[in-house]
PDB file of N, CA and C in Angstrom:
ATOM      1  N   UNK A   1      20.841  35.871 -11.078  1.00  0.00           N
ATOM      2  CA  UNK A   1      19.633  35.926 -10.320  1.00  0.00           C
ATOM      3  C   UNK A   1      19.197  34.501 -10.008  1.00  0.00           C
ATOM      4  N   UNK A   2      18.771  34.279  -8.781  1.00  0.00           N
ATOM      5  CA  UNK A   2      18.306  32.964  -8.332  1.00  0.00           C
ATOM      6  C   UNK A   2      16.846  33.078  -7.918  1.00  0.00           C
ATOM      7  N   UNK A   3      16.039  32.134  -8.346  1.00  0.00           N
ATOM      8  CA  UNK A   3      14.609  32.151  -8.022  1.00  0.00           C
ATOM      9  C   UNK A   3      14.246  30.834  -7.357  1.00  0.00           C
ATOM     10  N   UNK A   4      13.454  30.902  -6.299  1.00  0.00           N
ATOM     11  CA  UNK A   4      12.894  29.711  -5.665  1.00  0.00           C
ATOM     12  C   UNK A   4      11.393  29.843  -5.669  1.00  0.00           C
ATOM     13  N   UNK A   5      10.731  28.758  -5.993  1.00  0.00           N
ATOM     14  CA  UNK A   5       9.288  28.750  -6.062  1.00  0.00           C
ATOM     15  C   UNK A   5       8.756  27.840  -4.965  1.00  0.00           C
ATOM     16  N   UNK A   6       7.840  28.328  -4.173  1.00  0.00           N
ATOM     17  CA  UNK A   6       7.240  27.532  -3.120  1.00  0.00           C
ATOM     18  C   UNK A   6       5.750  27.400  -3.387  1.00  0.00           C
ATOM     19  N   UNK A   7       5.234  26.246  -3.079  1.00  0.00           N
ATOM     20  CA  UNK A   7       3.804  26.022  -3.281  1.00  0.00           C
ATOM     21  C   UNK A   7       3.446  24.617  -2.842  1.00  0.00           C
ATOM     22  N   UNK A   8       2.205  24.320  -2.965  1.00  0.00           N
ATOM     23  CA  UNK A   8       1.750  23.002  -2.539  1.00  0.00           C
ATOM     24  C   UNK A   8       2.133  21.949  -3.568  1.00  0.00           C
ATOM     25  N   UNK A   9       2.289  20.736  -3.094  1.00  0.00           N
ATOM     26  CA  UNK A   9       2.589  19.617  -3.973  1.00  0.00           C
ATOM     27  C   UNK A   9       1.309  19.005  -4.506  1.00  0.00           C
ATOM     28  N   UNK A  10       1.423  18.007  -5.347  1.00  0.00           N
ATOM     29  CA  UNK A  10       0.236  17.346  -5.870  1.00  0.00           C
ATOM     30  C   UNK A  10      -0.485  16.571  -4.768  1.00  0.00           C
ATOM     31  N   UNK A  11      -1.743  16.313  -4.992  1.00  0.00           N
ATOM     32  CA  UNK A  11      -2.567  15.588  -4.031  1.00  0.00           C
ATOM     33  C   UNK A  11      -2.006  14.201  -3.757  1.00  0.00           C
ATOM     34  N   UNK A  12      -2.112  13.768  -2.509  1.00  0.00           N
ATOM     35  CA  UNK A  12      -1.661  12.428  -2.129  1.00  0.00           C
ATOM     36  C   UNK A  12      -2.849  11.521  -1.841  1.00  0.00           C
ATOM     37  N   UNK A  13      -3.952  11.757  -2.505  1.00  0.00           N
ATOM     38  CA  UNK A  13      -5.140  10.931  -2.315  1.00  0.00           C
ATOM     39  C   UNK A  13      -5.557  10.314  -3.647  1.00  0.00           C
ATOM     40  N   UNK A  14      -4.815   9.332  -4.125  1.00  0.00           N
ATOM     41  CA  UNK A  14      -5.115   8.758  -5.435  1.00  0.00           C
ATOM     42  C   UNK A  14      -6.502   8.137  -5.467  1.00  0.00           C
ATOM     43  N   UNK A  15      -7.172   8.308  -6.579  1.00  0.00           N
ATOM     44  CA  UNK A  15      -8.474   7.691  -6.762  1.00  0.00           C
ATOM     45  C   UNK A  15      -9.607   8.433  -6.085  1.00  0.00           C
ATOM     46  N   UNK A  16      -9.317   9.512  -5.362  1.00  0.00           N
ATOM     47  CA  UNK A  16     -10.369  10.215  -4.650  1.00  0.00           C
ATOM     48  C   UNK A  16     -11.030  11.250  -5.552  1.00  0.00           C
ATOM     49  N   UNK A  17     -10.246  12.177  -6.122  1.00  0.00           N
ATOM     50  CA  UNK A  17     -10.813  13.235  -6.949  1.00  0.00           C
ATOM     51  C   UNK A  17      -9.759  13.758  -7.913  1.00  0.00           C
ATOM     52  N   UNK A  18     -10.199  14.113  -9.075  1.00  0.00           N
ATOM     53  CA  UNK A  18      -9.305  14.712 -10.050  1.00  0.00           C
ATOM     54  C   UNK A  18      -8.484  13.679 -10.792  1.00  0.00           C
ATOM     55  N   UNK A  19      -7.865  14.121 -11.865  1.00  0.00           N
ATOM     56  CA  UNK A  19      -7.014  13.238 -12.650  1.00  0.00           C
ATOM     57  C   UNK A  19      -7.823  12.196 -13.400  1.00  0.00           C
ATOM     58  N   UNK A  20      -7.162  11.456 -14.267  1.00  0.00           N
ATOM     59  CA  UNK A  20      -7.870  10.422 -15.018  1.00  0.00           C
ATOM     60  C   UNK A  20      -8.332   9.298 -14.095  1.00  0.00           C
ATOM     61  N   UNK A  21      -9.444   8.716 -14.427  1.00  0.00           N
ATOM     62  CA  UNK A  21      -9.987   7.622 -13.625  1.00  0.00           C
ATOM     63  C   UNK A  21      -9.102   6.390 -13.785  1.00  0.00           C
ATOM     64  N   UNK A  22      -8.693   5.854 -12.661  1.00  0.00           N
ATOM     65  CA  UNK A  22      -7.835   4.653 -12.667  1.00  0.00           C
ATOM     66  C   UNK A  22      -8.674   3.423 -12.984  1.00  0.00           C
ATOM     67  N   UNK A  23      -8.032   2.358 -13.471  1.00  0.00           N
ATOM     68  CA  UNK A  23      -8.773   1.113 -13.704  1.00  0.00           C
ATOM     69  C   UNK A  23      -9.333   0.573 -12.387  1.00  0.00           C
ATOM     70  N   UNK A  24     -10.392  -0.183 -12.473  1.00  0.00           N
ATOM     71  CA  UNK A  24     -10.977  -0.804 -11.281  1.00  0.00           C
ATOM     72  C   UNK A  24      -9.974  -1.798 -10.691  1.00  0.00           C
ATOM     73  N   UNK A  25      -9.941  -1.925  -9.356  1.00  0.00           N
ATOM     74  CA  UNK A  25      -9.054  -2.922  -8.743  1.00  0.00           C
ATOM     75  C   UNK A  25      -9.324  -4.316  -9.310  1.00  0.00           C
ATOM     76  N   UNK A  26      -8.258  -5.091  -9.463  1.00  0.00           N
ATOM     77  CA  UNK A  26      -8.341  -6.396 -10.111  1.00  0.00           C
ATOM     78  C   UNK A  26      -7.243  -7.312  -9.577  1.00  0.00           C
ATOM     79  N   UNK A  27      -7.352  -8.585  -9.910  1.00  0.00           N
ATOM     80  CA  UNK A  27      -6.305  -9.544  -9.561  1.00  0.00           C
ATOM     81  C   UNK A  27      -5.018  -9.138 -10.283  1.00  0.00           C
ATOM     82  N   UNK A  28      -3.863  -9.377  -9.656  1.00  0.00           N
ATOM     83  CA  UNK A  28      -2.611  -9.021 -10.326  1.00  0.00           C
ATOM     84  C   UNK A  28      -2.351  -9.948 -11.512  1.00  0.00           C
ATOM     85  N   UNK A  29      -1.530  -9.482 -12.450  1.00  0.00           N
ATOM     86  CA  UNK A  29      -1.214 -10.348 -13.592  1.00  0.00           C
ATOM     87  C   UNK A  29      -0.393 -11.563 -13.145  1.00  0.00           C
ATOM     88  N   UNK A  30      -0.428 -12.593 -13.934  1.00  0.00           N
ATOM     89  CA  UNK A  30       0.373 -13.781 -13.651  1.00  0.00           C
ATOM     90  C   UNK A  30      -0.382 -14.816 -12.827  1.00  0.00           C
ATOM     91  N   UNK A  31       0.350 -15.849 -12.471  1.00  0.00           N
ATOM     92  CA  UNK A  31      -0.233 -16.944 -11.688  1.00  0.00           C
ATOM     93  C   UNK A  31      -0.588 -16.463 -10.286  1.00  0.00           C
ATOM     94  N   UNK A  32      -1.690 -16.974  -9.719  1.00  0.00           N
ATOM     95  CA  UNK A  32      -2.061 -16.572  -8.367  1.00  0.00           C
ATOM     96  C   UNK A  32      -1.013 -17.019  -7.352  1.00  0.00           C
ATOM     97  N   UNK A  33      -0.859 -16.237  -6.288  1.00  0.00           N
ATOM     98  CA  UNK A  33       0.072 -16.597  -5.225  1.00  0.00           C
ATOM     99  C   UNK A  33      -0.459 -17.763  -4.405  1.00  0.00           C
ATOM    100  N   UNK A  34       0.381 -18.262  -3.540  1.00  0.00           N
ATOM    101  CA  UNK A  34      -0.004 -19.387  -2.681  1.00  0.00           C
ATOM    102  C   UNK A  34       0.114 -19.031  -1.204  1.00  0.00           C
ATOM    103  N   UNK A  35       0.369 -17.754  -0.912  1.00  0.00           N
ATOM    104  CA  UNK A  35       0.562 -17.312   0.461  1.00  0.00           C
ATOM    105  C   UNK A  35      -0.731 -16.850   1.115  1.00  0.00           C
ATOM    106  N   UNK A  36      -0.585 -16.122   2.215  1.00  0.00           N
ATOM    107  CA  UNK A  36      -1.753 -15.631   2.948  1.00  0.00           C
ATOM    108  C   UNK A  36      -2.655 -14.763   2.069  1.00  0.00           C
ATOM    109  N   UNK A  37      -3.930 -14.710   2.417  1.00  0.00           N
ATOM    110  CA  UNK A  37      -4.887 -13.892   1.678  1.00  0.00           C
ATOM    111  C   UNK A  37      -4.750 -12.436   2.116  1.00  0.00           C
ATOM    112  N   UNK A  38      -4.668 -11.540   1.148  1.00  0.00           N
ATOM    113  CA  UNK A  38      -4.607 -10.102   1.394  1.00  0.00           C
ATOM    114  C   UNK A  38      -5.916  -9.515   0.884  1.00  0.00           C
ATOM    115  N   UNK A  39      -6.706  -8.944   1.798  1.00  0.00           N
ATOM    116  CA  UNK A  39      -7.986  -8.346   1.425  1.00  0.00           C
ATOM    117  C   UNK A  39      -7.891  -6.834   1.516  1.00  0.00           C
ATOM    118  N   UNK A  40      -8.260  -6.176   0.434  1.00  0.00           N
ATOM    119  CA  UNK A  40      -8.350  -4.721   0.395  1.00  0.00           C
ATOM    120  C   UNK A  40      -9.823  -4.395   0.591  1.00  0.00           C
ATOM    121  N   UNK A  41     -10.204  -4.012   1.810  1.00  0.00           N
ATOM    122  CA  UNK A  41     -11.614  -3.887   2.193  1.00  0.00           C
ATOM    123  C   UNK A  41     -12.371  -2.871   1.345  1.00  0.00           C
ATOM    124  N   UNK A  42     -11.861  -1.673   1.181  1.00  0.00           N
ATOM    125  CA  UNK A  42     -12.578  -0.637   0.419  1.00  0.00           C
ATOM    126  C   UNK A  42     -12.675  -0.996  -1.062  1.00  0.00           C
ATOM    127  N   UNK A  43     -11.651  -1.644  -1.584  1.00  0.00           N
ATOM    128  CA  UNK A  43     -11.643  -2.024  -3.001  1.00  0.00           C
ATOM    129  C   UNK A  43     -12.481  -3.268  -3.261  1.00  0.00           C
ATOM    130  N   UNK A  44     -12.826  -4.015  -2.192  1.00  0.00           N
ATOM    131  CA  UNK A  44     -13.602  -5.236  -2.367  1.00  0.00           C
ATOM    132  C   UNK A  44     -12.830  -6.317  -3.097  1.00  0.00           C
ATOM    133  N   UNK A  45     -11.525  -6.409  -2.816  1.00  0.00           N
ATOM    134  CA  UNK A  45     -10.658  -7.335  -3.538  1.00  0.00           C
ATOM    135  C   UNK A  45      -9.856  -8.174  -2.550  1.00  0.00           C
ATOM    136  N   UNK A  46      -9.828  -9.486  -2.777  1.00  0.00           N
ATOM    137  CA  UNK A  46      -9.009 -10.400  -1.982  1.00  0.00           C
ATOM    138  C   UNK A  46      -8.054 -11.111  -2.935  1.00  0.00           C
ATOM    139  N   UNK A  47      -6.763 -11.122  -2.555  1.00  0.00           N
ATOM    140  CA  UNK A  47      -5.710 -11.643  -3.425  1.00  0.00           C
ATOM    141  C   UNK A  47      -4.780 -12.530  -2.607  1.00  0.00           C
ATOM    142  N   UNK A  48      -4.466 -13.742  -3.078  1.00  0.00           N
ATOM    143  CA  UNK A  48      -3.467 -14.544  -2.369  1.00  0.00           C
ATOM    144  C   UNK A  48      -2.072 -13.944  -2.569  1.00  0.00           C
ATOM    145  N   UNK A  49      -1.319 -13.849  -1.482  1.00  0.00           N
ATOM    146  CA  UNK A  49       0.025 -13.259  -1.512  1.00  0.00           C
ATOM    147  C   UNK A  49       0.965 -14.094  -2.365  1.00  0.00           C
ATOM    148  N   UNK A  50       1.797 -13.406  -3.126  1.00  0.00           N
ATOM    149  CA  UNK A  50       2.843 -14.047  -3.922  1.00  0.00           C
ATOM    150  C   UNK A  50       4.182 -13.483  -3.470  1.00  0.00           C
ATOM    151  N   UNK A  51       5.158 -14.346  -3.265  1.00  0.00           N
ATOM    152  CA  UNK A  51       6.488 -13.891  -2.865  1.00  0.00           C
ATOM    153  C   UNK A  51       7.206 -13.140  -3.979  1.00  0.00           C
ATOM    154  N   UNK A  52       6.583 -13.037  -5.155  1.00  0.00           N
ATOM    155  CA  UNK A  52       7.166 -12.230  -6.222  1.00  0.00           C
ATOM    156  C   UNK A  52       7.062 -10.741  -5.895  1.00  0.00           C
ATOM    157  N   UNK A  53       6.154 -10.372  -5.004  1.00  0.00           N
ATOM    158  CA  UNK A  53       5.997  -8.975  -4.597  1.00  0.00           C
ATOM    159  C   UNK A  53       6.960  -8.672  -3.456  1.00  0.00           C
ATOM    160  N   UNK A  54       7.507  -7.470  -3.456  1.00  0.00           N
ATOM    161  CA  UNK A  54       8.431  -7.049  -2.398  1.00  0.00           C
ATOM    162  C   UNK A  54       7.706  -6.515  -1.168  1.00  0.00           C
ATOM    163  N   UNK A  55       6.471  -6.023  -1.351  1.00  0.00           N
ATOM    164  CA  UNK A  55       5.739  -5.405  -0.240  1.00  0.00           C
ATOM    165  C   UNK A  55       4.248  -5.389  -0.554  1.00  0.00           C
ATOM    166  N   UNK A  56       3.465  -5.080   0.476  1.00  0.00           N
ATOM    167  CA  UNK A  56       2.032  -4.913   0.267  1.00  0.00           C
ATOM    168  C   UNK A  56       1.749  -3.733  -0.666  1.00  0.00           C
ATOM    169  N   UNK A  57       2.608  -2.740  -0.656  1.00  0.00           N
ATOM    170  CA  UNK A  57       2.463  -1.615  -1.578  1.00  0.00           C
ATOM    171  C   UNK A  57       2.576  -2.098  -3.026  1.00  0.00           C
ATOM    172  N   UNK A  58       3.558  -2.928  -3.327  1.00  0.00           N
ATOM    173  CA  UNK A  58       3.711  -3.439  -4.693  1.00  0.00           C
ATOM    174  C   UNK A  58       2.505  -4.260  -5.112  1.00  0.00           C
ATOM    175  N   UNK A  59       1.941  -5.032  -4.178  1.00  0.00           N
ATOM    176  CA  UNK A  59       0.748  -5.812  -4.500  1.00  0.00           C
ATOM    177  C   UNK A  59      -0.417  -4.874  -4.793  1.00  0.00           C
ATOM    178  N   UNK A  60      -0.609  -3.853  -3.965  1.00  0.00           N
ATOM    179  CA  UNK A  60      -1.690  -2.886  -4.203  1.00  0.00           C
ATOM    180  C   UNK A  60      -1.540  -2.236  -5.576  1.00  0.00           C
ATOM    181  N   UNK A  61      -0.327  -1.851  -5.924  1.00  0.00           N
ATOM    182  CA  UNK A  61      -0.090  -1.236  -7.231  1.00  0.00           C
ATOM    183  C   UNK A  61      -0.372  -2.208  -8.369  1.00  0.00           C
ATOM    184  N   UNK A  62       0.020  -3.471  -8.219  1.00  0.00           N
ATOM    185  CA  UNK A  62      -0.219  -4.474  -9.263  1.00  0.00           C
ATOM    186  C   UNK A  62      -1.707  -4.719  -9.467  1.00  0.00           C
ATOM    187  N   UNK A  63      -2.496  -4.444  -8.418  1.00  0.00           N
ATOM    188  CA  UNK A  63      -3.948  -4.653  -8.478  1.00  0.00           C
ATOM    189  C   UNK A  63      -4.712  -3.367  -8.761  1.00  0.00           C
ATOM    190  N   UNK A  64      -4.015  -2.250  -8.972  1.00  0.00           N
ATOM    191  CA  UNK A  64      -4.634  -0.939  -9.174  1.00  0.00           C
ATOM    192  C   UNK A  64      -5.528  -0.529  -8.006  1.00  0.00           C
ATOM    193  N   UNK A  65      -5.124  -0.897  -6.796  1.00  0.00           N
ATOM    194  CA  UNK A  65      -5.802  -0.423  -5.591  1.00  0.00           C
ATOM    195  C   UNK A  65      -5.190   0.935  -5.253  1.00  0.00           C
ATOM    196  N   UNK A  66      -5.996   2.010  -5.169  1.00  0.00           N
ATOM    197  CA  UNK A  66      -5.421   3.335  -4.909  1.00  0.00           C
ATOM    198  C   UNK A  66      -4.879   3.442  -3.484  1.00  0.00           C
ATOM    199  N   UNK A  67      -3.581   3.671  -3.373  1.00  0.00           N
ATOM    200  CA  UNK A  67      -2.914   3.845  -2.080  1.00  0.00           C
ATOM    201  C   UNK A  67      -1.911   4.988  -2.194  1.00  0.00           C
ATOM    202  N   UNK A  68      -1.522   5.532  -1.045  1.00  0.00           N
ATOM    203  CA  UNK A  68      -0.537   6.608  -1.024  1.00  0.00           C
ATOM    204  C   UNK A  68       0.819   6.030  -0.648  1.00  0.00           C
ATOM    205  N   UNK A  69       1.879   6.675  -1.100  1.00  0.00           N
ATOM    206  CA  UNK A  69       3.236   6.262  -0.733  1.00  0.00           C
ATOM    207  C   UNK A  69       4.201   7.378  -1.099  1.00  0.00           C
ATOM    208  N   UNK A  70       5.410   7.270  -0.567  1.00  0.00           N
ATOM    209  CA  UNK A  70       6.443   8.220  -0.943  1.00  0.00           C
ATOM    210  C   UNK A  70       7.811   7.557  -0.902  1.00  0.00           C
ATOM    211  N   UNK A  71       8.234   7.028   0.263  1.00  0.00           N
ATOM    212  CA  UNK A  71       9.631   6.619   0.417  1.00  0.00           C
ATOM    213  C   UNK A  71       9.928   5.161   0.075  1.00  0.00           C
ATOM    214  N   UNK A  72       8.994   4.260   0.321  1.00  0.00           N
ATOM    215  CA  UNK A  72       9.178   2.813   0.137  1.00  0.00           C
ATOM    216  C   UNK A  72      10.216   2.188   1.075  1.00  0.00           C
ATOM    217  N   UNK A  73      10.591   2.890   2.138  1.00  0.00           N
ATOM    218  CA  UNK A  73      11.584   2.340   3.070  1.00  0.00           C
ATOM    219  C   UNK A  73      11.181   2.477   4.535  1.00  0.00           C
ATOM    220  N   UNK A  74       9.930   2.836   4.825  1.00  0.00           N
ATOM    221  CA  UNK A  74       9.479   2.919   6.210  1.00  0.00           C
ATOM    222  C   UNK A  74       9.921   4.169   6.939  1.00  0.00           C
ATOM    223  N   UNK A  75      10.141   5.269   6.213  1.00  0.00           N
ATOM    224  CA  UNK A  75      10.615   6.505   6.834  1.00  0.00           C
ATOM    225  C   UNK A  75       9.499   7.544   6.960  1.00  0.00           C
ATOM    226  N   UNK A  76       8.734   7.762   5.907  1.00  0.00           N
ATOM    227  CA  UNK A  76       7.851   8.938   5.867  1.00  0.00           C
ATOM    228  C   UNK A  76       6.434   8.708   6.378  1.00  0.00           C
ATOM    229  N   UNK A  77       5.966   7.483   6.445  1.00  0.00           N
ATOM    230  CA  UNK A  77       4.628   7.120   6.938  1.00  0.00           C
ATOM    231  C   UNK A  77       3.496   7.568   6.023  1.00  0.00           C
ATOM    232  N   UNK A  78       3.788   7.976   4.796  1.00  0.00           N
ATOM    233  CA  UNK A  78       2.742   8.365   3.861  1.00  0.00           C
ATOM    234  C   UNK A  78       1.839   7.182   3.525  1.00  0.00           C
ATOM    235  N   UNK A  79       2.379   5.979   3.521  1.00  0.00           N
ATOM    236  CA  UNK A  79       1.627   4.783   3.122  1.00  0.00           C
ATOM    237  C   UNK A  79       0.900   4.113   4.286  1.00  0.00           C
ATOM    238  N   UNK A  80       0.854   4.744   5.429  1.00  0.00           N
ATOM    239  CA  UNK A  80       0.254   4.134   6.619  1.00  0.00           C
ATOM    240  C   UNK A  80      -1.226   3.841   6.388  1.00  0.00           C
ATOM    241  N   UNK A  81      -1.616   2.586   6.659  1.00  0.00           N
ATOM    242  CA  UNK A  81      -3.001   2.136   6.515  1.00  0.00           C
ATOM    243  C   UNK A  81      -3.439   1.409   7.776  1.00  0.00           C
ATOM    244  N   UNK A  82      -4.736   1.403   8.008  1.00  0.00           N
ATOM    245  CA  UNK A  82      -5.286   0.626   9.122  1.00  0.00           C
ATOM    246  C   UNK A  82      -5.213  -0.862   8.774  1.00  0.00           C
ATOM    247  N   UNK A  83      -4.718  -1.639   9.719  1.00  0.00           N
ATOM    248  CA  UNK A  83      -4.717  -3.098   9.608  1.00  0.00           C
ATOM    249  C   UNK A  83      -5.949  -3.580  10.360  1.00  0.00           C
ATOM    250  N   UNK A  84      -6.957  -4.019   9.615  1.00  0.00           N
ATOM    251  CA  UNK A  84      -8.225  -4.398  10.218  1.00  0.00           C
ATOM    252  C   UNK A  84      -8.154  -5.768  10.877  1.00  0.00           C
ATOM    253  N   UNK A  85      -7.327  -6.642  10.328  1.00  0.00           N
ATOM    254  CA  UNK A  85      -7.069  -7.940  10.964  1.00  0.00           C
ATOM    255  C   UNK A  85      -5.809  -8.538  10.353  1.00  0.00           C
ATOM    256  N   UNK A  86      -5.192  -9.469  11.090  1.00  0.00           N
ATOM    257  CA  UNK A  86      -4.000 -10.145  10.615  1.00  0.00           C
ATOM    258  C   UNK A  86      -2.721  -9.544  11.169  1.00  0.00           C
ATOM    259  N   UNK A  87      -1.588 -10.056  10.657  1.00  0.00           N
ATOM    260  CA  UNK A  87      -0.268  -9.603  11.096  1.00  0.00           C
ATOM    261  C   UNK A  87       0.648  -9.458   9.891  1.00  0.00           C
ATOM    262  N   UNK A  88       1.633  -8.557  10.024  1.00  0.00           N
ATOM    263  CA  UNK A  88       2.628  -8.365   8.967  1.00  0.00           C
ATOM    264  C   UNK A  88       4.023  -8.417   9.558  1.00  0.00           C
ATOM    265  N   UNK A  89       4.999  -8.649   8.680  1.00  0.00           N
ATOM    266  CA  UNK A  89       6.416  -8.562   9.016  1.00  0.00           C
ATOM    267  C   UNK A  89       6.997  -7.414   8.207  1.00  0.00           C
ATOM    268  N   UNK A  90       8.003  -6.736   8.773  1.00  0.00           N
ATOM    269  CA  UNK A  90       8.637  -5.607   8.091  1.00  0.00           C
ATOM    270  C   UNK A  90      10.026  -5.978   7.589  1.00  0.00           C
ATOM    271  N   UNK A  91      10.350  -5.441   6.404  1.00  0.00           N
ATOM    272  CA  UNK A  91      11.695  -5.551   5.857  1.00  0.00           C
ATOM    273  C   UNK A  91      11.864  -4.442   4.829  1.00  0.00           C
ATOM    274  N   UNK A  92      12.591  -3.393   5.147  1.00  0.00           N
ATOM    275  CA  UNK A  92      13.306  -3.133   6.392  1.00  0.00           C
ATOM    276  C   UNK A  92      12.343  -2.692   7.492  1.00  0.00           C
ATOM    277  N   UNK A  93      12.840  -2.733   8.734  1.00  0.00           N
ATOM    278  CA  UNK A  93      12.035  -2.233   9.846  1.00  0.00           C
ATOM    279  C   UNK A  93      11.844  -0.734   9.681  1.00  0.00           C
ATOM    280  N   UNK A  94      10.637  -0.230   9.976  1.00  0.00           N
ATOM    281  CA  UNK A  94      10.420   1.211   9.871  1.00  0.00           C
ATOM    282  C   UNK A  94      11.284   1.967  10.878  1.00  0.00           C
ATOM    283  N   UNK A  95      11.636   3.208  10.543  1.00  0.00           N
ATOM    284  CA  UNK A  95      12.421   4.046  11.454  1.00  0.00           C
ATOM    285  C   UNK A  95      11.630   4.276  12.737  1.00  0.00           C
ATOM    286  N   UNK A  96      10.343   4.582  12.597  1.00  0.00           N
ATOM    287  CA  UNK A  96       9.428   4.706  13.724  1.00  0.00           C
ATOM    288  C   UNK A  96       8.234   3.827  13.430  1.00  0.00           C
ATOM    289  N   UNK A  97       7.706   3.133  14.426  1.00  0.00           N
ATOM    290  CA  UNK A  97       6.542   2.285  14.165  1.00  0.00           C
ATOM    291  C   UNK A  97       5.315   3.128  13.832  1.00  0.00           C
ATOM    292  N   UNK A  98       4.387   2.569  13.059  1.00  0.00           N
ATOM    293  CA  UNK A  98       3.153   3.293  12.771  1.00  0.00           C
ATOM    294  C   UNK A  98       2.276   3.368  14.019  1.00  0.00           C
ATOM    295  N   UNK A  99       1.211   4.134  13.940  1.00  0.00           N
ATOM    296  CA  UNK A  99       0.261   4.240  15.048  1.00  0.00           C
ATOM    297  C   UNK A  99      -0.335   2.868  15.348  1.00  0.00           C
ATOM    298  N   UNK A 100      -0.770   2.666  16.585  1.00  0.00           N
ATOM    299  CA  UNK A 100      -1.399   1.403  16.966  1.00  0.00           C
ATOM    300  C   UNK A 100      -2.546   1.072  16.018  1.00  0.00           C
ATOM    301  N   UNK A 101      -2.567  -0.152  15.538  1.00  0.00           N
ATOM    302  CA  UNK A 101      -3.613  -0.601  14.634  1.00  0.00           C
ATOM    303  C   UNK A 101      -3.333  -0.313  13.173  1.00  0.00           C
ATOM    304  N   UNK A 102      -2.215   0.349  12.873  1.00  0.00           N
ATOM    305  CA  UNK A 102      -1.849   0.680  11.500  1.00  0.00           C
ATOM    306  C   UNK A 102      -0.582  -0.059  11.086  1.00  0.00           C
ATOM    307  N   UNK A 103      -0.338  -0.098   9.786  1.00  0.00           N
ATOM    308  CA  UNK A 103       0.903  -0.667   9.239  1.00  0.00           C
ATOM    309  C   UNK A 103       1.431   0.261   8.157  1.00  0.00           C
ATOM    310  N   UNK A 104       2.685   0.074   7.814  1.00  0.00           N
ATOM    311  CA  UNK A 104       3.292   0.767   6.671  1.00  0.00           C
ATOM    312  C   UNK A 104       3.364  -0.251   5.543  1.00  0.00           C
ATOM    313  N   UNK A 105       2.592  -0.027   4.479  1.00  0.00           N
ATOM    314  CA  UNK A 105       2.538  -1.027   3.411  1.00  0.00           C
ATOM    315  C   UNK A 105       3.760  -1.001   2.512  1.00  0.00           C
ATOM    316  N   UNK A 106       4.579   0.057   2.595  1.00  0.00           N
ATOM    317  CA  UNK A 106       5.744   0.159   1.704  1.00  0.00           C
ATOM    318  C   UNK A 106       6.835  -0.840   2.047  1.00  0.00           C
ATOM    319  N   UNK A 107       6.855  -1.319   3.288  1.00  0.00           N
ATOM    320  CA  UNK A 107       7.941  -2.210   3.711  1.00  0.00           C
ATOM    321  C   UNK A 107       7.422  -3.409   4.493  1.00  0.00           C
ATOM    322  N   UNK A 108       6.175  -3.814   4.254  1.00  0.00           N
ATOM    323  CA  UNK A 108       5.616  -4.945   4.989  1.00  0.00           C
ATOM    324  C   UNK A 108       5.093  -6.021   4.054  1.00  0.00           C
ATOM    325  N   UNK A 109       5.078  -7.239   4.604  1.00  0.00           N
ATOM    326  CA  UNK A 109       4.529  -8.408   3.929  1.00  0.00           C
ATOM    327  C   UNK A 109       3.615  -9.104   4.920  1.00  0.00           C
ATOM    328  N   UNK A 110       2.566  -9.778   4.441  1.00  0.00           N
ATOM    329  CA  UNK A 110       1.672 -10.458   5.379  1.00  0.00           C
ATOM    330  C   UNK A 110       2.327 -11.704   5.973  1.00  0.00           C
ATOM    331  N   UNK A 111       2.179 -11.889   7.290  1.00  0.00           N
ATOM    332  CA  UNK A 111       2.646 -13.130   7.903  1.00  0.00           C
ATOM    333  C   UNK A 111       1.496 -14.119   8.092  1.00  0.00           C
ATOM    334  N   UNK A 112       0.258 -13.633   7.975  1.00  0.00           N
ATOM    335  CA  UNK A 112      -0.920 -14.470   7.877  1.00  0.00           C
ATOM    336  C   UNK A 112      -1.977 -13.660   7.131  1.00  0.00           C
ATOM    337  N   UNK A 113      -3.198 -14.162   6.996  1.00  0.00           N
ATOM    338  CA  UNK A 113      -4.226 -13.434   6.259  1.00  0.00           C
ATOM    339  C   UNK A 113      -4.395 -12.048   6.857  1.00  0.00           C
ATOM    340  N   UNK A 114      -4.502 -11.027   6.001  1.00  0.00           N
ATOM    341  CA  UNK A 114      -4.676  -9.650   6.461  1.00  0.00           C
ATOM    342  C   UNK A 114      -5.850  -8.993   5.746  1.00  0.00           C
ATOM    343  N   UNK A 115      -6.465  -8.033   6.449  1.00  0.00           N
ATOM    344  CA  UNK A 115      -7.493  -7.186   5.850  1.00  0.00           C
ATOM    345  C   UNK A 115      -7.005  -5.758   6.050  1.00  0.00           C
ATOM    346  N   UNK A 116      -6.871  -5.026   4.933  1.00  0.00           N
ATOM    347  CA  UNK A 116      -6.357  -3.657   4.948  1.00  0.00           C
ATOM    348  C   UNK A 116      -7.482  -2.678   4.609  1.00  0.00           C
ATOM    349  N   UNK A 117      -7.435  -1.510   5.206  1.00  0.00           N
ATOM    350  CA  UNK A 117      -8.418  -0.466   4.930  1.00  0.00           C
ATOM    351  C   UNK A 117      -8.000   0.293   3.674  1.00  0.00           C
ATOM    352  N   UNK A 118      -8.088  -0.375   2.564  1.00  0.00           N
ATOM    353  CA  UNK A 118      -7.730   0.232   1.272  1.00  0.00           C
ATOM    354  C   UNK A 118      -8.679  -0.260   0.204  1.00  0.00           C
TER     355      UNK A 118
END
């Protein structure tokens, strides 16, 4: 006998409702970066970029800024955020570009100071 179970997946809105309360957003551990300033507008946190991070997603996670993600390779667009100001570079390039005014944080790095809607 074979059984398949279908149902909804877990919520993709971290920090919004339910589950244990995450720590407040904070500076990442270690020495401060020397690159462009990355501001998480909703979290009220500004952090200098460090090349030790692979992506803006990794920086958000290191700072406990609640963000969504799934693939980390620019395929699914789950991590899409509004870019309020600044510019980013992609590596790897996303399969499809995000909507105008948005970026994929899973595969992007700041090329100058950025403000993200996170």
